[in-house]
Amino acid sequence: MSHRKLVGHNIKALRNARGWTQEKLASEAGIDQGYLGTLERGTVNVSLDTLAKLAKSLKVEIVDLLKK
């Protein structure tokens, strides 16, 4: 699995574990919902700043978004 797909999988799994929609997480993190969808599909690279926003919103450490 590529790094992009791994990060996307982890974001989606953590979001789903909280029962959140993409719209809810995007709103909490202050990012575009469409962009979140591309991140979850692993089709684009994510910046460190965006990873930090997502981790904070999901109440996890950035490293949790990078784990296999």
N, C-alpha and C. Protein backbone atom coordinates (compact mmCIF):
# COMPACT_ATOMS: atom_id res chain seq x y z
N MET A 1 0.86 -1.18 0.00
CA MET A 1 0.00 0.00 0.00
C MET A 1 0.90 1.23 0.00
N SER A 2 0.56 2.22 -0.83
CA SER A 2 1.35 3.45 -0.88
C SER A 2 1.16 4.25 0.41
N HIS A 3 2.07 5.15 0.66
CA HIS A 3 1.98 6.01 1.85
C HIS A 3 0.71 6.87 1.80
N ARG A 4 0.38 7.38 0.62
CA ARG A 4 -0.82 8.20 0.49
C ARG A 4 -2.06 7.39 0.83
N LYS A 5 -2.13 6.17 0.32
CA LYS A 5 -3.30 5.32 0.58
C LYS A 5 -3.37 4.91 2.05
N LEU A 6 -2.21 4.67 2.66
CA LEU A 6 -2.17 4.32 4.08
C LEU A 6 -2.71 5.46 4.94
N VAL A 7 -2.24 6.67 4.68
CA VAL A 7 -2.72 7.83 5.44
C VAL A 7 -4.22 8.01 5.22
N GLY A 8 -4.65 7.90 3.97
CA GLY A 8 -6.07 8.04 3.67
C GLY A 8 -6.91 7.00 4.37
N HIS A 9 -6.43 5.77 4.37
CA HIS A 9 -7.14 4.68 5.06
C HIS A 9 -7.26 4.98 6.55
N ASN A 10 -6.18 5.45 7.16
CA ASN A 10 -6.19 5.75 8.59
C ASN A 10 -7.13 6.90 8.92
N ILE A 11 -7.11 7.95 8.10
CA ILE A 11 -8.03 9.07 8.32
C ILE A 11 -9.47 8.58 8.28
N LYS A 12 -9.79 7.82 7.25
CA LYS A 12 -11.16 7.33 7.08
C LYS A 12 -11.56 6.41 8.23
N ALA A 13 -10.66 5.51 8.64
CA ALA A 13 -10.97 4.58 9.74
C ALA A 13 -11.23 5.34 11.03
N LEU A 14 -10.40 6.33 11.34
CA LEU A 14 -10.59 7.12 12.56
C LEU A 14 -11.87 7.95 12.49
N ARG A 15 -12.15 8.49 11.32
CA ARG A 15 -13.38 9.27 11.13
C ARG A 15 -14.60 8.37 11.34
N ASN A 16 -14.58 7.21 10.70
CA ASN A 16 -15.71 6.28 10.84
C ASN A 16 -15.87 5.78 12.27
N ALA A 17 -14.76 5.57 12.97
CA ALA A 17 -14.83 5.11 14.36
C ALA A 17 -15.55 6.11 15.26
N ARG A 18 -15.52 7.37 14.85
CA ARG A 18 -16.21 8.41 15.62
C ARG A 18 -17.63 8.64 15.11
N GLY A 19 -17.98 7.96 14.03
CA GLY A 19 -19.32 8.13 13.47
C GLY A 19 -19.49 9.45 12.74
N TRP A 20 -18.36 10.02 12.29
CA TRP A 20 -18.39 11.33 11.62
C TRP A 20 -18.50 11.16 10.11
N THR A 21 -19.18 12.09 9.49
CA THR A 21 -19.20 12.17 8.03
C THR A 21 -17.94 12.92 7.57
N GLN A 22 -17.68 12.85 6.28
CA GLN A 22 -16.59 13.65 5.73
C GLN A 22 -16.86 15.13 5.98
N GLU A 23 -18.11 15.52 5.85
CA GLU A 23 -18.49 16.92 6.06
C GLU A 23 -18.14 17.37 7.49
N LYS A 24 -18.41 16.53 8.46
CA LYS A 24 -18.14 16.86 9.87
C LYS A 24 -16.63 17.01 10.10
N LEU A 25 -15.84 16.05 9.64
CA LEU A 25 -14.40 16.12 9.85
C LEU A 25 -13.80 17.30 9.11
N ALA A 26 -14.23 17.52 7.88
CA ALA A 26 -13.71 18.65 7.11
C ALA A 26 -14.00 19.96 7.84
N SER A 27 -15.20 20.09 8.37
CA SER A 27 -15.58 21.29 9.11
C SER A 27 -14.72 21.45 10.36
N GLU A 28 -14.56 20.37 11.12
CA GLU A 28 -13.75 20.41 12.35
C GLU A 28 -12.30 20.79 12.05
N ALA A 29 -11.76 20.29 10.93
CA ALA A 29 -10.36 20.52 10.59
C ALA A 29 -10.15 21.81 9.79
N GLY A 30 -11.23 22.39 9.31
CA GLY A 30 -11.11 23.62 8.53
C GLY A 30 -10.55 23.38 7.13
N ILE A 31 -10.92 22.24 6.54
CA ILE A 31 -10.48 21.94 5.17
C ILE A 31 -11.70 21.66 4.31
N ASP A 32 -11.51 21.67 3.02
CA ASP A 32 -12.59 21.42 2.07
C ASP A 32 -12.99 19.95 2.08
N GLN A 33 -14.29 19.70 2.04
CA GLN A 33 -14.78 18.31 2.06
C GLN A 33 -14.29 17.53 0.85
N GLY A 34 -14.26 18.14 -0.30
CA GLY A 34 -13.77 17.47 -1.50
C GLY A 34 -12.32 17.08 -1.38
N TYR A 35 -11.53 17.96 -0.77
CA TYR A 35 -10.11 17.68 -0.54
C TYR A 35 -9.96 16.51 0.42
N LEU A 36 -10.78 16.48 1.46
CA LEU A 36 -10.74 15.36 2.40
C LEU A 36 -11.01 14.05 1.68
N GLY A 37 -11.96 14.07 0.77
CA GLY A 37 -12.26 12.86 -0.01
C GLY A 37 -11.06 12.39 -0.81
N THR A 38 -10.34 13.32 -1.42
CA THR A 38 -9.15 12.93 -2.19
C THR A 38 -8.07 12.39 -1.27
N LEU A 39 -7.97 12.95 -0.06
CA LEU A 39 -7.00 12.43 0.91
C LEU A 39 -7.36 11.00 1.31
N GLU A 40 -8.62 10.77 1.60
CA GLU A 40 -9.05 9.44 2.02
C GLU A 40 -8.86 8.40 0.92
N ARG A 41 -8.98 8.82 -0.32
CA ARG A 41 -8.75 7.90 -1.44
C ARG A 41 -7.27 7.73 -1.75
N GLY A 42 -6.43 8.56 -1.16
CA GLY A 42 -5.00 8.45 -1.36
C GLY A 42 -4.54 8.92 -2.73
N THR A 43 -5.27 9.86 -3.31
CA THR A 43 -4.92 10.32 -4.65
C THR A 43 -4.05 11.57 -4.65
N VAL A 44 -3.88 12.20 -3.50
CA VAL A 44 -3.03 13.40 -3.41
C VAL A 44 -2.14 13.30 -2.18
N ASN A 45 -1.04 14.03 -2.22
CA ASN A 45 -0.18 14.13 -1.05
C ASN A 45 -0.79 15.11 -0.05
N VAL A 46 -0.60 14.83 1.20
CA VAL A 46 -1.13 15.70 2.25
C VAL A 46 0.03 16.47 2.87
N SER A 47 -0.22 17.74 3.20
CA SER A 47 0.82 18.54 3.83
C SER A 47 0.87 18.24 5.33
N LEU A 48 1.98 18.57 5.92
CA LEU A 48 2.13 18.39 7.37
C LEU A 48 1.13 19.25 8.12
N ASP A 49 0.88 20.45 7.64
CA ASP A 49 -0.10 21.33 8.29
C ASP A 49 -1.49 20.69 8.29
N THR A 50 -1.87 20.10 7.17
CA THR A 50 -3.18 19.46 7.09
C THR A 50 -3.23 18.22 7.97
N LEU A 51 -2.15 17.45 7.99
CA LEU A 51 -2.10 16.29 8.90
C LEU A 51 -2.30 16.73 10.35
N ALA A 52 -1.67 17.84 10.71
CA ALA A 52 -1.79 18.35 12.08
C ALA A 52 -3.24 18.75 12.38
N LYS A 53 -3.90 19.41 11.44
CA LYS A 53 -5.30 19.80 11.63
C LYS A 53 -6.19 18.58 11.79
N LEU A 54 -5.97 17.58 10.95
CA LEU A 54 -6.79 16.37 11.02
C LEU A 54 -6.54 15.62 12.33
N ALA A 55 -5.28 15.50 12.72
CA ALA A 55 -4.96 14.80 13.97
C ALA A 55 -5.59 15.51 15.16
N LYS A 56 -5.51 16.83 15.18
CA LYS A 56 -6.10 17.59 16.29
C LYS A 56 -7.61 17.38 16.33
N SER A 57 -8.25 17.44 15.17
CA SER A 57 -9.70 17.26 15.12
C SER A 57 -10.12 15.86 15.56
N LEU A 58 -9.31 14.86 15.19
CA LEU A 58 -9.61 13.48 15.54
C LEU A 58 -9.11 13.10 16.94
N LYS A 59 -8.40 14.05 17.58
CA LYS A 59 -7.84 13.84 18.93
C LYS A 59 -6.87 12.66 18.98
N VAL A 60 -5.98 12.63 17.97
CA VAL A 60 -4.92 11.63 17.90
C VAL A 60 -3.61 12.36 17.61
N GLU A 61 -2.52 11.64 17.70
CA GLU A 61 -1.22 12.19 17.33
C GLU A 61 -1.03 12.01 15.82
N ILE A 62 -0.21 12.87 15.23
CA ILE A 62 0.05 12.78 13.79
C ILE A 62 0.55 11.39 13.44
N VAL A 63 1.38 10.82 14.29
CA VAL A 63 1.94 9.50 14.01
C VAL A 63 0.85 8.44 13.84
N ASP A 64 -0.29 8.63 14.50
CA ASP A 64 -1.40 7.68 14.36
C ASP A 64 -1.97 7.67 12.95
N LEU A 65 -1.79 8.75 12.22
CA LEU A 65 -2.26 8.81 10.83
C LEU A 65 -1.29 8.14 9.89
N LEU A 66 -0.08 7.83 10.37
CA LEU A 66 0.97 7.27 9.53
C LEU A 66 1.22 5.79 9.79
N LYS A 67 0.58 5.23 10.82
CA LYS A 67 0.84 3.84 11.20
C LYS A 67 0.23 2.85 10.25
N LYS A 68 0.94 1.70 10.10
CA LYS A 68 0.41 0.59 9.30
C LYS A 68 -0.55 -0.21 10.13
